[in-house]
Amino acid sequence: MISFDNVTKRYPNGYDALSQVDFSLNQGEMAFLTGHSGAGKSTLLKLLMLMERPSNGRVLVGDQDLATLGNSQIPFHRRRIGVVFQNHQLLFDRSVFENIVLPLRICGFDPADAARRAHAALDKVGLLSKEKLNPVVLSGGEQQRVGIARAIVHKPQLLLADEPTGNLDPKLSEEVMRLFQQFNQVGTTVLIASHDLGLIARMPHRVITLQQGRLLSDGK
C-alpha cells in the first residue's frame, strides 16, 4: 500500500529531513512511526499527502508513483487518504455534523448520501448524539474523535495520523488507539506517527523508527 524507495527530502537550506529511507507497508497493515522530535515523521507523512515532494527516490501509494501526479491530480489523490491531526483542525463556527459532512460536500457527494455517511462516521466514534453541538463545547478526547470521524467519512484506503494522542491523557489515548485498530480490522491501512513509546509498546503492531531522518528500524 505504501512504498518508500531510497527517499530523501532536502530543503533549500541544505537540511535533510529524510535521507535514503526505504520501507513498505502492506495493504491492510497497521504500523507506528516513531522517533525523536525532528526525526522526520511529519515530513514522511507530508510526502504521502503530497504536501511535499521528495528530492530523490520514489514514493508509492497503492500502485501509484506519486511523482507522476501533477498538481491538478493532488485533490483526487488525497481523497484516498484520511488524515488525523494532533490539534484536530476543527471549524468552531460549525456544528459537529457540519464538520464531518463538509468534505463530502466539497467532493460533490449527493447531499442525502453525504448526510448518511456523516451520521455513520459519527456513530462509529460514539458521537452521534452530539452532532448538533459546536465542537468547542466538547472535551479534547471528543474533539479528537470528531477529527477521526472526518478522516474516515469517505472510507479512505489509507489512514494517516500525526501525533493523534499528543494532547490527551493516557486513558483517552488508549481509546483513540482502539478506534484506529477498529478501522484497521475492516481493511483500512493505518500509519500513526507518535512519540508515545509507552502506549506503542502496549499495542501489537509494527514500529517503524526514524533517527535524524534515517530509518533506524522498519519493525520487521
N, C-alpha and C. Protein backbone atom coordinates (compact mmCIF):
# COMPACT_ATOMS: atom_id res chain seq x y z
N MET A 1 0.82 -1.21 0.00
CA MET A 1 0.00 0.00 0.00
C MET A 1 0.86 1.27 0.00
N ILE A 2 1.95 1.23 0.81
CA ILE A 2 2.90 2.34 0.86
C ILE A 2 4.28 1.80 0.56
N SER A 3 5.04 2.52 -0.26
CA SER A 3 6.42 2.11 -0.51
C SER A 3 7.30 3.36 -0.62
N PHE A 4 8.37 3.38 0.17
CA PHE A 4 9.40 4.41 0.07
C PHE A 4 10.65 3.75 -0.48
N ASP A 5 11.11 4.24 -1.61
CA ASP A 5 12.26 3.65 -2.30
C ASP A 5 13.39 4.67 -2.33
N ASN A 6 14.35 4.54 -1.36
CA ASN A 6 15.53 5.39 -1.29
C ASN A 6 15.16 6.88 -1.29
N VAL A 7 14.23 7.25 -0.41
CA VAL A 7 13.67 8.60 -0.42
C VAL A 7 14.48 9.57 0.44
N THR A 8 14.85 10.69 -0.17
CA THR A 8 15.50 11.79 0.53
C THR A 8 14.67 13.05 0.34
N LYS A 9 14.50 13.81 1.42
CA LYS A 9 13.85 15.13 1.32
C LYS A 9 14.81 16.17 1.87
N ARG A 10 15.35 16.97 0.94
CA ARG A 10 16.30 18.03 1.30
C ARG A 10 15.63 19.38 1.07
N TYR A 11 15.67 20.22 2.10
CA TYR A 11 15.09 21.55 1.99
C TYR A 11 16.12 22.53 1.42
N PRO A 12 15.66 23.69 0.92
CA PRO A 12 16.58 24.63 0.26
C PRO A 12 17.78 25.05 1.11
N ASN A 13 17.63 25.01 2.44
CA ASN A 13 18.76 25.40 3.29
C ASN A 13 19.80 24.29 3.45
N GLY A 14 19.57 23.15 2.75
CA GLY A 14 20.52 22.04 2.80
C GLY A 14 20.22 21.00 3.85
N TYR A 15 19.14 21.21 4.62
CA TYR A 15 18.79 20.27 5.69
C TYR A 15 18.07 19.05 5.11
N ASP A 16 18.56 17.87 5.44
CA ASP A 16 17.90 16.62 5.03
C ASP A 16 16.93 16.18 6.10
N ALA A 17 15.64 16.39 5.86
CA ALA A 17 14.62 15.92 6.80
C ALA A 17 14.49 14.41 6.75
N LEU A 18 14.69 13.84 5.57
CA LEU A 18 14.74 12.39 5.38
C LEU A 18 15.93 12.06 4.49
N SER A 19 16.57 10.94 4.77
CA SER A 19 17.75 10.57 3.99
C SER A 19 17.74 9.08 3.67
N GLN A 20 17.56 8.76 2.39
CA GLN A 20 17.64 7.39 1.87
C GLN A 20 16.74 6.42 2.65
N VAL A 21 15.50 6.79 2.78
CA VAL A 21 14.53 5.97 3.53
C VAL A 21 13.92 4.91 2.63
N ASP A 22 13.99 3.66 3.09
CA ASP A 22 13.42 2.52 2.37
C ASP A 22 12.52 1.72 3.32
N PHE A 23 11.24 1.62 3.00
CA PHE A 23 10.36 0.69 3.73
C PHE A 23 9.05 0.57 2.96
N SER A 24 8.30 -0.45 3.29
CA SER A 24 6.98 -0.62 2.68
C SER A 24 5.98 -1.06 3.74
N LEU A 25 4.73 -0.73 3.48
CA LEU A 25 3.62 -1.09 4.38
C LEU A 25 2.57 -1.77 3.53
N ASN A 26 2.17 -2.97 3.92
CA ASN A 26 1.23 -3.74 3.12
C ASN A 26 -0.19 -3.22 3.24
N GLN A 27 -1.00 -3.53 2.23
CA GLN A 27 -2.42 -3.23 2.29
C GLN A 27 -3.03 -3.89 3.52
N GLY A 28 -3.79 -3.13 4.30
CA GLY A 28 -4.46 -3.67 5.48
C GLY A 28 -3.58 -3.75 6.71
N GLU A 29 -2.36 -3.25 6.65
CA GLU A 29 -1.45 -3.29 7.79
C GLU A 29 -1.63 -2.04 8.65
N MET A 30 -1.31 -2.16 9.94
CA MET A 30 -1.29 -1.01 10.84
C MET A 30 0.10 -0.93 11.46
N ALA A 31 0.67 0.27 11.46
CA ALA A 31 2.03 0.44 11.98
C ALA A 31 2.16 1.80 12.64
N PHE A 32 3.15 1.88 13.53
CA PHE A 32 3.50 3.14 14.18
C PHE A 32 4.80 3.66 13.59
N LEU A 33 4.86 4.97 13.45
CA LEU A 33 6.06 5.66 13.00
C LEU A 33 6.56 6.50 14.17
N THR A 34 7.74 6.20 14.66
CA THR A 34 8.22 6.89 15.85
C THR A 34 9.65 7.40 15.66
N GLY A 35 10.10 8.16 16.65
CA GLY A 35 11.41 8.80 16.60
C GLY A 35 11.35 10.11 17.36
N HIS A 36 12.52 10.66 17.65
CA HIS A 36 12.58 11.90 18.42
C HIS A 36 11.96 13.06 17.65
N SER A 37 11.69 14.16 18.33
CA SER A 37 11.20 15.36 17.67
C SER A 37 12.21 15.80 16.62
N GLY A 38 11.74 16.01 15.40
CA GLY A 38 12.64 16.36 14.31
C GLY A 38 13.23 15.19 13.58
N ALA A 39 12.78 13.97 13.90
CA ALA A 39 13.34 12.78 13.25
C ALA A 39 12.89 12.63 11.80
N GLY A 40 11.80 13.31 11.42
CA GLY A 40 11.32 13.22 10.04
C GLY A 40 9.94 12.63 9.90
N LYS A 41 9.25 12.38 11.03
CA LYS A 41 7.94 11.72 10.98
C LYS A 41 6.92 12.55 10.19
N SER A 42 6.81 13.82 10.54
CA SER A 42 5.81 14.66 9.86
C SER A 42 6.16 14.85 8.39
N THR A 43 7.45 14.97 8.08
CA THR A 43 7.86 15.09 6.68
C THR A 43 7.46 13.86 5.88
N LEU A 44 7.63 12.69 6.47
CA LEU A 44 7.26 11.46 5.78
C LEU A 44 5.76 11.44 5.47
N LEU A 45 4.95 11.86 6.44
CA LEU A 45 3.50 11.90 6.20
C LEU A 45 3.15 12.93 5.13
N LYS A 46 3.84 14.06 5.15
CA LYS A 46 3.58 15.10 4.14
C LYS A 46 3.89 14.61 2.74
N LEU A 47 4.91 13.76 2.60
CA LEU A 47 5.22 13.19 1.29
C LEU A 47 4.08 12.30 0.81
N LEU A 48 3.48 11.55 1.72
CA LEU A 48 2.36 10.68 1.35
C LEU A 48 1.14 11.48 0.93
N MET A 49 0.96 12.65 1.54
CA MET A 49 -0.20 13.50 1.23
C MET A 49 0.08 14.46 0.08
N LEU A 50 1.29 14.44 -0.46
CA LEU A 50 1.74 15.36 -1.49
C LEU A 50 1.67 16.81 -1.04
N MET A 51 1.90 17.02 0.26
CA MET A 51 2.13 18.36 0.76
C MET A 51 3.60 18.74 0.52
N GLU A 52 4.43 17.74 0.35
CA GLU A 52 5.83 17.89 -0.03
C GLU A 52 6.14 16.83 -1.08
N ARG A 53 7.22 17.06 -1.81
CA ARG A 53 7.70 16.07 -2.78
C ARG A 53 9.14 15.72 -2.47
N PRO A 54 9.55 14.47 -2.70
CA PRO A 54 10.93 14.08 -2.36
C PRO A 54 11.94 14.75 -3.26
N SER A 55 13.14 14.92 -2.72
CA SER A 55 14.25 15.43 -3.52
C SER A 55 14.84 14.31 -4.37
N ASN A 56 14.85 13.10 -3.83
CA ASN A 56 15.31 11.91 -4.54
C ASN A 56 14.48 10.72 -4.10
N GLY A 57 14.46 9.68 -4.94
CA GLY A 57 13.73 8.47 -4.59
C GLY A 57 12.27 8.51 -5.02
N ARG A 58 11.57 7.41 -4.73
CA ARG A 58 10.17 7.27 -5.15
C ARG A 58 9.28 6.98 -3.96
N VAL A 59 8.09 7.58 -3.97
CA VAL A 59 7.05 7.28 -3.00
C VAL A 59 5.84 6.74 -3.76
N LEU A 60 5.38 5.56 -3.35
CA LEU A 60 4.21 4.96 -3.99
C LEU A 60 3.09 4.77 -2.97
N VAL A 61 1.87 5.02 -3.39
CA VAL A 61 0.68 4.71 -2.61
C VAL A 61 -0.20 3.84 -3.49
N GLY A 62 -0.45 2.62 -3.03
CA GLY A 62 -1.07 1.65 -3.92
C GLY A 62 -0.09 1.36 -5.05
N ASP A 63 -0.57 1.39 -6.27
CA ASP A 63 0.31 1.19 -7.42
C ASP A 63 0.71 2.52 -8.06
N GLN A 64 0.39 3.62 -7.39
CA GLN A 64 0.61 4.94 -7.97
C GLN A 64 1.93 5.54 -7.51
N ASP A 65 2.80 5.81 -8.47
CA ASP A 65 4.03 6.55 -8.20
C ASP A 65 3.63 8.02 -8.09
N LEU A 66 3.81 8.60 -6.90
CA LEU A 66 3.31 9.95 -6.67
C LEU A 66 4.04 10.98 -7.53
N ALA A 67 5.23 10.66 -8.02
CA ALA A 67 5.96 11.60 -8.87
C ALA A 67 5.24 11.83 -10.20
N THR A 68 4.38 10.91 -10.59
CA THR A 68 3.67 11.04 -11.87
C THR A 68 2.43 11.90 -11.76
N LEU A 69 2.07 12.31 -10.55
CA LEU A 69 0.86 13.10 -10.36
C LEU A 69 1.18 14.59 -10.42
N GLY A 70 0.46 15.30 -11.28
CA GLY A 70 0.60 16.75 -11.35
C GLY A 70 -0.23 17.42 -10.26
N ASN A 71 -0.06 18.72 -10.12
CA ASN A 71 -0.77 19.45 -9.07
C ASN A 71 -2.28 19.33 -9.20
N SER A 72 -2.78 19.24 -10.42
CA SER A 72 -4.23 19.15 -10.62
C SER A 72 -4.80 17.82 -10.15
N GLN A 73 -3.93 16.81 -10.00
CA GLN A 73 -4.38 15.48 -9.58
C GLN A 73 -4.28 15.27 -8.06
N ILE A 74 -3.66 16.22 -7.37
CA ILE A 74 -3.47 16.07 -5.92
C ILE A 74 -4.79 15.92 -5.17
N PRO A 75 -5.82 16.74 -5.46
CA PRO A 75 -7.09 16.56 -4.72
C PRO A 75 -7.67 15.15 -4.85
N PHE A 76 -7.55 14.56 -6.03
CA PHE A 76 -8.07 13.20 -6.24
C PHE A 76 -7.25 12.18 -5.45
N HIS A 77 -5.94 12.39 -5.41
CA HIS A 77 -5.08 11.51 -4.60
C HIS A 77 -5.47 11.59 -3.12
N ARG A 78 -5.70 12.78 -2.62
CA ARG A 78 -5.99 12.94 -1.20
C ARG A 78 -7.34 12.36 -0.81
N ARG A 79 -8.22 12.15 -1.77
CA ARG A 79 -9.50 11.52 -1.45
C ARG A 79 -9.33 10.05 -1.06
N ARG A 80 -8.20 9.47 -1.38
CA ARG A 80 -7.92 8.08 -0.98
C ARG A 80 -7.38 8.00 0.44
N ILE A 81 -7.08 9.17 1.02
CA ILE A 81 -6.37 9.21 2.30
C ILE A 81 -7.19 9.96 3.34
N GLY A 82 -7.25 9.41 4.56
CA GLY A 82 -7.81 10.13 5.69
C GLY A 82 -6.68 10.58 6.59
N VAL A 83 -6.78 11.80 7.12
CA VAL A 83 -5.70 12.36 7.93
C VAL A 83 -6.25 12.87 9.25
N VAL A 84 -5.58 12.48 10.34
CA VAL A 84 -5.94 12.93 11.68
C VAL A 84 -4.76 13.73 12.23
N PHE A 85 -5.06 14.94 12.71
CA PHE A 85 -4.02 15.83 13.21
C PHE A 85 -4.06 15.90 14.74
N GLN A 86 -2.94 16.31 15.32
CA GLN A 86 -2.88 16.45 16.78
C GLN A 86 -3.83 17.52 17.29
N ASN A 87 -3.93 18.63 16.56
CA ASN A 87 -4.73 19.76 17.05
C ASN A 87 -6.13 19.81 16.44
N HIS A 88 -6.57 18.70 15.88
CA HIS A 88 -7.94 18.50 15.40
C HIS A 88 -8.27 19.29 14.13
N GLN A 89 -7.92 20.59 14.10
CA GLN A 89 -8.23 21.47 12.98
C GLN A 89 -9.72 21.46 12.65
N LEU A 90 -10.54 21.55 13.70
CA LEU A 90 -11.99 21.62 13.50
C LEU A 90 -12.43 23.06 13.28
N LEU A 91 -13.60 23.20 12.66
CA LEU A 91 -14.19 24.52 12.42
C LEU A 91 -15.16 24.83 13.55
N PHE A 92 -14.83 25.84 14.34
CA PHE A 92 -15.65 26.13 15.52
C PHE A 92 -16.83 27.06 15.21
N ASP A 93 -17.01 27.41 13.95
CA ASP A 93 -18.21 28.16 13.56
C ASP A 93 -19.25 27.25 12.93
N ARG A 94 -19.04 25.94 13.05
CA ARG A 94 -19.97 24.95 12.50
C ARG A 94 -20.21 23.85 13.53
N SER A 95 -21.30 23.14 13.36
CA SER A 95 -21.63 22.05 14.28
C SER A 95 -20.73 20.86 14.03
N VAL A 96 -20.79 19.90 14.94
CA VAL A 96 -20.05 18.65 14.77
C VAL A 96 -20.42 18.00 13.44
N PHE A 97 -21.71 17.90 13.17
CA PHE A 97 -22.17 17.28 11.92
C PHE A 97 -21.62 18.02 10.71
N GLU A 98 -21.67 19.36 10.74
CA GLU A 98 -21.19 20.14 9.60
C GLU A 98 -19.70 19.93 9.38
N ASN A 99 -18.93 19.76 10.45
CA ASN A 99 -17.51 19.49 10.31
C ASN A 99 -17.27 18.18 9.57
N ILE A 100 -18.13 17.20 9.81
CA ILE A 100 -17.95 15.88 9.18
C ILE A 100 -18.43 15.87 7.74
N VAL A 101 -19.55 16.52 7.47
CA VAL A 101 -20.17 16.43 6.16
C VAL A 101 -19.52 17.37 5.14
N LEU A 102 -18.86 18.43 5.61
CA LEU A 102 -18.32 19.43 4.68
C LEU A 102 -17.36 18.85 3.64
N PRO A 103 -16.40 17.98 4.02
CA PRO A 103 -15.50 17.43 2.99
C PRO A 103 -16.24 16.67 1.90
N LEU A 104 -17.33 15.99 2.27
CA LEU A 104 -18.10 15.25 1.27
C LEU A 104 -18.81 16.21 0.32
N ARG A 105 -19.33 17.30 0.86
CA ARG A 105 -19.99 18.29 0.01
C ARG A 105 -19.01 18.91 -0.97
N ILE A 106 -17.80 19.18 -0.48
CA ILE A 106 -16.77 19.76 -1.35
C ILE A 106 -16.42 18.80 -2.49
N CYS A 107 -16.46 17.49 -2.17
CA CYS A 107 -16.14 16.47 -3.18
C CYS A 107 -17.31 16.19 -4.12
N GLY A 108 -18.46 16.80 -3.87
CA GLY A 108 -19.59 16.66 -4.77
C GLY A 108 -20.51 15.49 -4.49
N PHE A 109 -20.47 14.94 -3.26
CA PHE A 109 -21.37 13.85 -2.91
C PHE A 109 -22.82 14.32 -2.92
N ASP A 110 -23.72 13.43 -3.27
CA ASP A 110 -25.15 13.70 -3.15
C ASP A 110 -25.46 14.07 -1.70
N PRO A 111 -26.24 15.12 -1.45
CA PRO A 111 -26.49 15.58 -0.07
C PRO A 111 -27.03 14.49 0.85
N ALA A 112 -27.94 13.67 0.36
CA ALA A 112 -28.51 12.62 1.21
C ALA A 112 -27.45 11.56 1.53
N ASP A 113 -26.64 11.21 0.55
CA ASP A 113 -25.57 10.23 0.78
C ASP A 113 -24.52 10.80 1.72
N ALA A 114 -24.20 12.08 1.55
CA ALA A 114 -23.22 12.72 2.43
C ALA A 114 -23.71 12.71 3.87
N ALA A 115 -24.99 13.02 4.08
CA ALA A 115 -25.54 13.03 5.44
C ALA A 115 -25.52 11.63 6.04
N ARG A 116 -25.85 10.63 5.23
CA ARG A 116 -25.84 9.25 5.73
C ARG A 116 -24.43 8.83 6.15
N ARG A 117 -23.45 9.16 5.32
CA ARG A 117 -22.07 8.81 5.63
C ARG A 117 -21.58 9.55 6.88
N ALA A 118 -21.96 10.82 7.02
CA ALA A 118 -21.54 11.60 8.19
C ALA A 118 -22.13 11.01 9.46
N HIS A 119 -23.40 10.63 9.41
CA HIS A 119 -24.03 10.02 10.59
C HIS A 119 -23.37 8.69 10.93
N ALA A 120 -23.04 7.90 9.91
CA ALA A 120 -22.39 6.61 10.15
C ALA A 120 -21.01 6.81 10.78
N ALA A 121 -20.26 7.80 10.30
CA ALA A 121 -18.93 8.06 10.85
C ALA A 121 -19.02 8.52 12.31
N LEU A 122 -19.98 9.38 12.61
CA LEU A 122 -20.16 9.83 13.99
C LEU A 122 -20.59 8.68 14.90
N ASP A 123 -21.41 7.79 14.36
CA ASP A 123 -21.83 6.64 15.15
C ASP A 123 -20.64 5.74 15.48
N LYS A 124 -19.72 5.58 14.53
CA LYS A 124 -18.55 4.72 14.74
C LYS A 124 -17.64 5.25 15.86
N VAL A 125 -17.60 6.57 16.02
CA VAL A 125 -16.74 7.15 17.06
C VAL A 125 -17.53 7.51 18.31
N GLY A 126 -18.82 7.10 18.35
CA GLY A 126 -19.63 7.28 19.56
C GLY A 126 -20.09 8.70 19.83
N LEU A 127 -20.26 9.50 18.78
CA LEU A 127 -20.64 10.89 18.98
C LEU A 127 -21.90 11.30 18.22
N LEU A 128 -22.70 10.32 17.81
CA LEU A 128 -23.89 10.64 17.03
C LEU A 128 -24.84 11.53 17.82
N SER A 129 -24.91 11.34 19.12
CA SER A 129 -25.83 12.13 19.95
C SER A 129 -25.39 13.59 20.09
N LYS A 130 -24.16 13.90 19.65
CA LYS A 130 -23.64 15.26 19.81
C LYS A 130 -23.45 15.97 18.48
N GLU A 131 -24.15 15.48 17.46
CA GLU A 131 -23.94 16.01 16.12
C GLU A 131 -24.32 17.48 15.99
N LYS A 132 -25.26 17.97 16.81
CA LYS A 132 -25.73 19.35 16.68
C LYS A 132 -24.92 20.34 17.51
N LEU A 133 -24.02 19.83 18.33
CA LEU A 133 -23.23 20.71 19.20
C LEU A 133 -22.10 21.38 18.43
N ASN A 134 -21.64 22.50 18.96
CA ASN A 134 -20.44 23.12 18.45
C ASN A 134 -19.24 22.38 19.04
N PRO A 135 -18.23 22.06 18.23
CA PRO A 135 -17.08 21.31 18.76
C PRO A 135 -16.38 21.98 19.94
N VAL A 136 -16.54 23.28 20.08
CA VAL A 136 -15.82 23.99 21.14
C VAL A 136 -16.28 23.55 22.52
N VAL A 137 -17.50 22.99 22.63
CA VAL A 137 -18.00 22.57 23.94
C VAL A 137 -17.61 21.14 24.27
N LEU A 138 -16.97 20.45 23.35
CA LEU A 138 -16.58 19.06 23.57
C LEU A 138 -15.25 18.99 24.31
N SER A 139 -15.00 17.85 24.94
CA SER A 139 -13.71 17.62 25.58
C SER A 139 -12.64 17.40 24.51
N GLY A 140 -11.37 17.42 24.93
CA GLY A 140 -10.29 17.19 23.98
C GLY A 140 -10.39 15.84 23.31
N GLY A 141 -10.76 14.82 24.08
CA GLY A 141 -10.90 13.48 23.51
C GLY A 141 -12.04 13.41 22.52
N GLU A 142 -13.13 14.10 22.81
CA GLU A 142 -14.27 14.11 21.89
C GLU A 142 -13.93 14.88 20.62
N GLN A 143 -13.21 15.98 20.75
CA GLN A 143 -12.79 16.72 19.57
C GLN A 143 -11.89 15.86 18.68
N GLN A 144 -11.02 15.08 19.30
CA GLN A 144 -10.16 14.20 18.50
C GLN A 144 -10.99 13.15 17.79
N ARG A 145 -12.03 12.65 18.43
CA ARG A 145 -12.89 11.67 17.78
C ARG A 145 -13.67 12.29 16.62
N VAL A 146 -14.05 13.55 16.74
CA VAL A 146 -14.66 14.24 15.60
C VAL A 146 -13.66 14.31 14.45
N GLY A 147 -12.40 14.61 14.77
CA GLY A 147 -11.37 14.63 13.74
C GLY A 147 -11.19 13.28 13.06
N ILE A 148 -11.29 12.21 13.84
CA ILE A 148 -11.19 10.87 13.28
C ILE A 148 -12.39 10.57 12.39
N ALA A 149 -13.59 10.94 12.84
CA ALA A 149 -14.79 10.73 12.03
C ALA A 149 -14.68 11.45 10.69
N ARG A 150 -14.17 12.66 10.73
CA ARG A 150 -13.99 13.43 9.49
C ARG A 150 -12.98 12.74 8.57
N ALA A 151 -11.95 12.13 9.16
CA ALA A 151 -10.91 11.48 8.36
C ALA A 151 -11.40 10.21 7.69
N ILE A 152 -12.36 9.53 8.29
CA ILE A 152 -12.79 8.23 7.75
C ILE A 152 -14.15 8.30 7.06
N VAL A 153 -14.77 9.48 7.01
CA VAL A 153 -16.14 9.57 6.49
C VAL A 153 -16.23 9.15 5.02
N HIS A 154 -15.14 9.33 4.25
CA HIS A 154 -15.15 8.96 2.84
C HIS A 154 -14.56 7.57 2.61
N LYS A 155 -14.41 6.80 3.69
CA LYS A 155 -13.92 5.42 3.62
C LYS A 155 -12.57 5.33 2.88
N PRO A 156 -11.55 5.98 3.42
CA PRO A 156 -10.25 6.01 2.73
C PRO A 156 -9.56 4.66 2.74
N GLN A 157 -8.71 4.44 1.75
CA GLN A 157 -7.89 3.24 1.71
C GLN A 157 -6.76 3.32 2.74
N LEU A 158 -6.30 4.54 2.99
CA LEU A 158 -5.16 4.78 3.86
C LEU A 158 -5.51 5.84 4.89
N LEU A 159 -5.23 5.54 6.17
CA LEU A 159 -5.49 6.48 7.26
C LEU A 159 -4.16 6.85 7.90
N LEU A 160 -3.85 8.15 7.89
CA LEU A 160 -2.62 8.68 8.48
C LEU A 160 -2.96 9.50 9.71
N ALA A 161 -2.14 9.41 10.73
CA ALA A 161 -2.36 10.20 11.95
C ALA A 161 -1.02 10.76 12.42
N ASP A 162 -0.99 12.07 12.68
CA ASP A 162 0.23 12.74 13.11
C ASP A 162 0.07 13.14 14.58
N GLU A 163 0.69 12.38 15.47
CA GLU A 163 0.63 12.60 16.92
C GLU A 163 -0.82 12.76 17.39
N PRO A 164 -1.71 11.80 17.09
CA PRO A 164 -3.13 11.98 17.40
C PRO A 164 -3.46 11.98 18.88
N THR A 165 -2.55 11.49 19.72
CA THR A 165 -2.82 11.45 21.17
C THR A 165 -1.92 12.41 21.94
N GLY A 166 -1.26 13.31 21.23
CA GLY A 166 -0.28 14.18 21.87
C GLY A 166 -0.84 15.08 22.95
N ASN A 167 -2.13 15.43 22.85
CA ASN A 167 -2.74 16.33 23.83
C ASN A 167 -3.71 15.62 24.76
N LEU A 168 -3.69 14.28 24.76
CA LEU A 168 -4.67 13.52 25.53
C LEU A 168 -4.01 12.79 26.69
N ASP A 169 -4.83 12.52 27.72
CA ASP A 169 -4.31 11.76 28.86
C ASP A 169 -4.24 10.28 28.48
N PRO A 170 -3.57 9.44 29.28
CA PRO A 170 -3.35 8.04 28.89
C PRO A 170 -4.63 7.26 28.58
N LYS A 171 -5.68 7.48 29.37
CA LYS A 171 -6.93 6.73 29.15
C LYS A 171 -7.55 7.10 27.80
N LEU A 172 -7.62 8.40 27.52
CA LEU A 172 -8.19 8.83 26.25
C LEU A 172 -7.30 8.40 25.08
N SER A 173 -6.00 8.40 25.31
CA SER A 173 -5.08 7.97 24.26
C SER A 173 -5.35 6.52 23.86
N GLU A 174 -5.58 5.67 24.83
CA GLU A 174 -5.86 4.26 24.53
C GLU A 174 -7.19 4.12 23.80
N GLU A 175 -8.19 4.93 24.16
CA GLU A 175 -9.47 4.88 23.47
C GLU A 175 -9.31 5.26 22.00
N VAL A 176 -8.53 6.29 21.75
CA VAL A 176 -8.30 6.72 20.37
C VAL A 176 -7.56 5.63 19.60
N MET A 177 -6.57 5.01 20.21
CA MET A 177 -5.85 3.94 19.52
C MET A 177 -6.74 2.75 19.22
N ARG A 178 -7.68 2.46 20.11
CA ARG A 178 -8.62 1.37 19.85
C ARG A 178 -9.49 1.67 18.62
N LEU A 179 -9.83 2.94 18.45
CA LEU A 179 -10.60 3.33 17.26
C LEU A 179 -9.80 3.04 15.99
N PHE A 180 -8.51 3.41 16.02
CA PHE A 180 -7.67 3.13 14.85
C PHE A 180 -7.61 1.63 14.58
N GLN A 181 -7.52 0.84 15.64
CA GLN A 181 -7.49 -0.61 15.46
C GLN A 181 -8.78 -1.12 14.83
N GLN A 182 -9.90 -0.55 15.23
CA GLN A 182 -11.19 -0.98 14.67
C GLN A 182 -11.25 -0.71 13.16
N PHE A 183 -10.76 0.45 12.74
CA PHE A 183 -10.76 0.75 11.31
C PHE A 183 -9.79 -0.17 10.57
N ASN A 184 -8.67 -0.47 11.19
CA ASN A 184 -7.72 -1.39 10.59
C ASN A 184 -8.31 -2.78 10.43
N GLN A 185 -9.12 -3.20 11.38
CA GLN A 185 -9.71 -4.54 11.34
C GLN A 185 -10.68 -4.73 10.18
N VAL A 186 -11.19 -3.63 9.63
CA VAL A 186 -12.08 -3.75 8.47
C VAL A 186 -11.34 -3.45 7.16
N GLY A 187 -9.98 -3.44 7.22
CA GLY A 187 -9.20 -3.39 6.00
C GLY A 187 -8.49 -2.10 5.68
N THR A 188 -8.69 -1.07 6.50
CA THR A 188 -8.01 0.20 6.24
C THR A 188 -6.54 0.10 6.65
N THR A 189 -5.65 0.55 5.79
CA THR A 189 -4.23 0.63 6.12
C THR A 189 -4.02 1.86 7.01
N VAL A 190 -3.30 1.68 8.13
CA VAL A 190 -3.16 2.75 9.12
C VAL A 190 -1.69 2.98 9.44
N LEU A 191 -1.26 4.23 9.39
CA LEU A 191 0.09 4.62 9.79
C LEU A 191 -0.02 5.79 10.77
N ILE A 192 0.49 5.59 11.98
CA ILE A 192 0.36 6.58 13.06
C ILE A 192 1.73 7.05 13.49
N ALA A 193 1.99 8.35 13.35
CA ALA A 193 3.21 8.94 13.88
C ALA A 193 3.00 9.30 15.34
N SER A 194 3.86 8.80 16.21
CA SER A 194 3.70 9.05 17.64
C SER A 194 5.04 8.93 18.35
N HIS A 195 5.20 9.73 19.41
CA HIS A 195 6.39 9.59 20.25
C HIS A 195 6.05 8.97 21.59
N ASP A 196 4.80 8.50 21.74
CA ASP A 196 4.36 7.90 23.00
C ASP A 196 4.80 6.44 23.04
N LEU A 197 6.04 6.21 23.42
CA LEU A 197 6.62 4.87 23.35
C LEU A 197 5.93 3.90 24.30
N GLY A 198 5.48 4.40 25.45
CA GLY A 198 4.79 3.53 26.39
C GLY A 198 3.51 2.98 25.82
N LEU A 199 2.73 3.84 25.19
CA LEU A 199 1.48 3.41 24.56
C LEU A 199 1.76 2.47 23.39
N ILE A 200 2.73 2.81 22.58
CA ILE A 200 3.07 1.98 21.42
C ILE A 200 3.48 0.57 21.87
N ALA A 201 4.22 0.50 22.97
CA ALA A 201 4.70 -0.80 23.46
C ALA A 201 3.56 -1.72 23.86
N ARG A 202 2.41 -1.13 24.19
CA ARG A 202 1.25 -1.95 24.59
C ARG A 202 0.39 -2.35 23.41
N MET A 203 0.75 -1.93 22.21
CA MET A 203 -0.05 -2.22 21.03
C MET A 203 0.68 -3.27 20.18
N PRO A 204 -0.03 -4.27 19.70
CA PRO A 204 0.62 -5.37 18.97
C PRO A 204 0.82 -5.07 17.49
N HIS A 205 1.53 -3.98 17.21
CA HIS A 205 1.70 -3.59 15.82
C HIS A 205 3.16 -3.23 15.54
N ARG A 206 3.48 -3.27 14.29
CA ARG A 206 4.82 -2.96 13.82
C ARG A 206 5.22 -1.52 14.17
N VAL A 207 6.48 -1.31 14.49
CA VAL A 207 7.01 0.01 14.83
C VAL A 207 8.15 0.35 13.86
N ILE A 208 7.97 1.44 13.13
CA ILE A 208 8.99 1.95 12.21
C ILE A 208 9.65 3.15 12.88
N THR A 209 10.98 3.11 13.01
CA THR A 209 11.68 4.12 13.79
C THR A 209 12.62 4.95 12.91
N LEU A 210 12.49 6.27 13.03
CA LEU A 210 13.38 7.20 12.35
C LEU A 210 14.33 7.84 13.35
N GLN A 211 15.53 8.12 12.90
CA GLN A 211 16.50 8.83 13.72
C GLN A 211 17.28 9.80 12.82
N GLN A 212 17.11 11.09 13.10
CA GLN A 212 17.77 12.13 12.33
C GLN A 212 17.55 11.93 10.82
N GLY A 213 16.30 11.61 10.46
CA GLY A 213 15.92 11.50 9.07
C GLY A 213 16.23 10.18 8.41
N ARG A 214 16.90 9.29 9.12
CA ARG A 214 17.23 7.98 8.56
C ARG A 214 16.40 6.89 9.21
N LEU A 215 16.20 5.82 8.47
CA LEU A 215 15.43 4.68 9.01
C LEU A 215 16.31 3.88 9.94
N LEU A 216 15.98 3.90 11.21
CA LEU A 216 16.75 3.14 12.20
C LEU A 216 16.28 1.69 12.24
N SER A 217 14.96 1.49 12.13
CA SER A 217 14.39 0.14 12.13
C SER A 217 13.04 0.18 11.42
N ASP A 218 12.77 -0.84 10.58
CA ASP A 218 11.47 -0.87 9.92
C ASP A 218 10.49 -1.80 10.62
N GLY A 219 10.89 -2.35 11.77
CA GLY A 219 9.97 -3.14 12.59
C GLY A 219 9.72 -4.54 12.11
N LYS A 220 10.39 -4.98 11.08
CA LYS A 220 10.14 -6.34 10.57
C LYS A 220 11.03 -7.34 11.29
